[in-house]
Amino acid sequence: MRREKAFLQLIHESGLLKRVRRSGWWVVGINNPESVAEHCFRCAVIGYVLAVMERLDAHTVTMMCLLNDIQEARINDAHKVASRYLNFSAAEDAAFADQTARLPEPARRQLRAWRADYTAQKTPESIAARDADILECLIQAKEYHEQGYAQAEKFLRKAPRFLRSAAAKQLWQAALRTDSSGWWQELTDFKR
């Protein structure tokens, strides 16, 4: 029963991420940005795509993407201005260690290994997962910009230089040439 309780606590806690908002968008005037859970979901989809494009372990990349921000259920999301004054890296590490402390082996070991790998940024999988995180923010910024939030353009100029994998750079270049709403417009433009 202890095992199930520990897993359920993690499941319930991760549900809080559906209510934690991505605070970085507030500084550019977006009042109701996406949640951390929404960000993690699309980040995982992007991570999967990057893993396929780069011929990497898709399971590992996807799981790193899904779990990268789980500690924000405890410490909230902090934008870059806040991180200038606070050591969020240490807080994230402490929160994640507490979150996984009661999990049974091998789950605890696996989750901690994925986090350590992601943090170290030495494997192609960890690089792809980080690129997925950056790319998700870039695509979100592009969508916000297309919706009329002019300040979101600042993310579009700065963040691309942090992309490391060839696949992420290729996807971003394709995204720049693509209308974000094109996918559904093509579906409604059917001919009879």
Protein backbone atom coordinates (compact mmCIF):
# COMPACT_ATOMS: atom_id res chain seq x y z
CA MET A 1 0.00 0.00 0.00
CA ARG A 2 2.92 2.38 0.64
CA ARG A 3 3.98 2.05 -3.00
CA GLU A 4 0.54 2.98 -4.32
CA LYS A 5 0.28 5.91 -1.91
CA ALA A 6 3.65 7.28 -3.01
CA PHE A 7 2.71 6.98 -6.68
CA LEU A 8 -0.71 8.57 -6.08
CA GLN A 9 0.90 11.48 -4.25
CA LEU A 10 3.12 12.11 -7.27
CA ILE A 11 0.12 11.83 -9.61
CA HIS A 12 -1.97 14.25 -7.55
CA GLU A 13 0.91 16.66 -7.14
CA SER A 14 1.61 16.67 -10.87
CA GLY A 15 -2.04 17.63 -11.37
CA LEU A 16 -1.31 20.93 -9.66
CA LEU A 17 0.74 21.87 -12.73
CA LYS A 18 -2.55 22.30 -14.60
CA ARG A 19 -3.13 25.40 -12.42
CA VAL A 20 0.44 26.79 -12.34
CA ARG A 21 0.80 29.44 -15.04
CA ARG A 22 3.96 30.05 -17.08
CA SER A 23 4.97 33.34 -15.50
CA GLY A 24 7.47 34.48 -18.12
CA TRP A 25 4.64 35.54 -20.40
CA TRP A 26 3.31 38.00 -17.82
CA VAL A 27 6.29 40.30 -18.44
CA VAL A 28 5.22 40.69 -22.08
CA GLY A 29 1.58 41.40 -21.21
CA ILE A 30 -0.10 38.01 -21.53
CA ASN A 31 -2.56 37.85 -18.64
CA ASN A 32 -3.61 34.22 -18.91
CA PRO A 33 -0.69 32.22 -20.31
CA GLU A 34 -0.63 28.46 -20.70
CA SER A 35 -0.12 26.27 -17.66
CA VAL A 36 3.08 24.40 -16.88
CA ALA A 37 1.20 21.16 -17.65
CA GLU A 38 0.20 22.46 -21.08
CA HIS A 39 3.79 23.49 -21.74
CA CYS A 40 5.11 20.07 -20.64
CA PHE A 41 2.63 18.22 -22.82
CA ARG A 42 3.61 20.02 -26.02
CA CYS A 43 7.26 19.91 -25.00
CA ALA A 44 6.95 16.11 -24.79
CA VAL A 45 5.39 15.99 -28.28
CA ILE A 46 8.22 18.13 -29.63
CA GLY A 47 10.75 16.00 -27.77
CA TYR A 48 9.35 12.88 -29.39
CA VAL A 49 9.59 14.50 -32.83
CA LEU A 50 13.18 15.61 -32.22
CA ALA A 51 14.11 12.13 -30.98
CA VAL A 52 12.69 10.56 -34.14
CA MET A 53 14.42 13.10 -36.36
CA GLU A 54 17.76 12.60 -34.57
CA ARG A 55 17.32 8.81 -34.17
CA LEU A 56 17.49 8.96 -30.36
CA ASP A 57 15.76 7.06 -27.57
CA ALA A 58 12.30 8.63 -27.90
CA HIS A 59 11.09 7.25 -24.57
CA THR A 60 13.94 8.89 -22.66
CA VAL A 61 13.57 12.25 -24.43
CA THR A 62 9.79 12.28 -24.00
CA MET A 63 10.00 11.42 -20.30
CA MET A 64 12.63 14.11 -19.68
CA CYS A 65 10.29 16.61 -21.33
CA LEU A 66 7.26 15.50 -19.37
CA LEU A 67 9.02 15.60 -16.01
CA ASN A 68 11.37 18.54 -16.49
CA ASP A 69 9.17 21.04 -14.65
CA ILE A 70 7.40 18.75 -12.16
CA GLN A 71 9.12 20.51 -9.23
CA GLU A 72 7.16 23.66 -10.14
CA ALA A 73 4.18 22.05 -8.43
CA ARG A 74 6.05 22.91 -5.21
CA ILE A 75 7.98 26.07 -6.02
CA ASN A 76 5.89 27.58 -8.84
CA ASP A 77 7.17 28.81 -12.20
CA ALA A 78 9.68 31.64 -12.11
CA HIS A 79 10.52 33.87 -15.04
CA LYS A 80 14.04 34.98 -15.96
CA VAL A 81 13.79 38.28 -14.11
CA ALA A 82 13.11 36.44 -10.84
CA SER A 83 15.95 34.00 -11.45
CA ARG A 84 18.30 36.96 -11.53
CA TYR A 85 17.71 37.37 -7.78
CA LEU A 86 16.83 33.88 -6.58
CA ASN A 87 18.69 30.58 -6.88
CA PHE A 88 15.92 28.56 -8.51
CA SER A 89 18.28 25.82 -9.58
CA ALA A 90 18.95 24.84 -5.95
CA ALA A 91 15.25 25.14 -5.09
CA GLU A 92 14.28 22.97 -8.07
CA ASP A 93 16.83 20.31 -7.07
CA ALA A 94 15.59 20.28 -3.46
CA ALA A 95 11.93 20.11 -4.48
CA PHE A 96 12.58 17.28 -6.95
CA ALA A 97 14.61 15.33 -4.37
CA ASP A 98 11.69 15.61 -1.93
CA GLN A 99 9.15 14.70 -4.59
CA THR A 100 10.96 11.48 -5.43
CA ALA A 101 12.21 10.54 -1.94
CA ARG A 102 9.27 8.28 -1.05
CA LEU A 103 8.94 6.62 -4.43
CA PRO A 104 9.90 2.96 -4.57
CA GLU A 105 12.89 1.73 -6.48
CA PRO A 106 13.38 1.55 -9.44
CA ALA A 107 11.05 4.54 -10.07
CA ARG A 108 13.03 6.86 -7.80
CA ARG A 109 16.31 5.85 -9.42
CA GLN A 110 14.91 6.24 -12.96
CA LEU A 111 13.36 9.67 -12.36
CA ARG A 112 16.53 10.94 -10.71
CA ALA A 113 18.68 9.55 -13.52
CA TRP A 114 16.57 11.34 -16.15
CA ARG A 115 16.80 14.60 -14.22
CA ALA A 116 20.57 14.28 -13.71
CA ASP A 117 21.01 13.53 -17.41
CA TYR A 118 18.83 16.49 -18.41
CA THR A 119 20.71 18.83 -16.07
CA ALA A 120 24.17 17.69 -17.20
CA GLN A 121 23.31 18.21 -20.91
CA LYS A 122 25.94 15.72 -22.07
CA THR A 123 23.88 13.12 -23.93
CA PRO A 124 22.09 13.62 -27.25
CA GLU A 125 18.81 12.74 -25.48
CA SER A 126 19.25 15.44 -22.84
CA ILE A 127 20.18 17.98 -25.50
CA ALA A 128 17.07 17.06 -27.51
CA ALA A 129 14.88 17.37 -24.40
CA ARG A 130 16.28 20.83 -23.61
CA ASP A 131 15.86 21.84 -27.24
CA ALA A 132 12.24 20.69 -27.05
CA ASP A 133 11.72 22.95 -24.03
CA ILE A 134 13.22 25.93 -25.86
CA LEU A 135 11.40 25.13 -29.08
CA GLU A 136 8.07 24.88 -27.28
CA CYS A 137 8.65 28.37 -25.85
CA LEU A 138 9.60 29.68 -29.29
CA ILE A 139 6.53 28.21 -30.94
CA GLN A 140 4.34 29.56 -28.13
CA ALA A 141 5.93 33.00 -28.54
CA LYS A 142 5.26 32.86 -32.28
CA GLU A 143 1.62 31.96 -31.63
CA TYR A 144 1.24 34.76 -29.09
CA HIS A 145 2.85 37.18 -31.55
CA GLU A 146 0.43 36.07 -34.28
CA GLN A 147 -2.42 36.72 -31.81
CA GLY A 148 -1.32 40.33 -31.44
CA TYR A 149 1.07 40.28 -28.48
CA ALA A 150 3.85 42.35 -30.03
CA GLN A 151 6.23 41.96 -27.06
CA ALA A 152 6.37 38.18 -27.61
CA GLU A 153 8.59 38.91 -30.60
CA LYS A 154 11.50 39.49 -28.20
CA PHE A 155 11.52 35.77 -27.41
CA LEU A 156 11.67 35.01 -31.14
CA ARG A 157 14.88 36.99 -31.52
CA LYS A 158 16.77 35.75 -28.46
CA ALA A 159 15.89 32.10 -27.82
CA PRO A 160 16.81 30.46 -31.17
CA ARG A 161 20.53 30.83 -30.46
CA PHE A 162 20.16 28.38 -27.56
CA LEU A 163 19.00 25.52 -29.82
CA ARG A 164 21.76 22.93 -30.21
CA SER A 165 20.50 19.99 -32.27
CA ALA A 166 20.20 20.10 -36.04
CA ALA A 167 16.63 18.81 -35.86
CA ALA A 168 15.53 21.59 -33.47
CA LYS A 169 17.12 24.24 -35.68
CA GLN A 170 15.40 22.75 -38.75
CA LEU A 171 12.01 22.65 -37.02
CA TRP A 172 12.37 26.25 -35.89
CA GLN A 173 13.23 27.43 -39.39
CA ALA A 174 10.18 25.58 -40.70
CA ALA A 175 8.02 27.09 -37.94
CA LEU A 176 9.10 30.58 -38.98
CA ARG A 177 7.77 29.93 -42.48
CA THR A 178 4.53 28.36 -41.29
CA ASP A 179 1.24 29.92 -40.24
CA SER A 180 0.42 28.47 -36.83
CA SER A 181 -3.23 28.14 -37.78
CA GLY A 182 -2.48 26.56 -41.14
CA TRP A 183 -3.09 23.02 -39.90
CA TRP A 184 -6.78 23.62 -39.23
CA GLN A 185 -7.35 25.96 -42.17
CA GLU A 186 -6.26 23.21 -44.54
CA LEU A 187 -8.84 20.89 -42.95
CA THR A 188 -11.67 23.38 -43.47
CA ASP A 189 -10.70 24.24 -47.07
CA PHE A 190 -11.96 20.95 -48.51
CA LYS A 191 -13.51 20.92 -51.92
CA ARG A 192 -16.60 19.05 -52.96
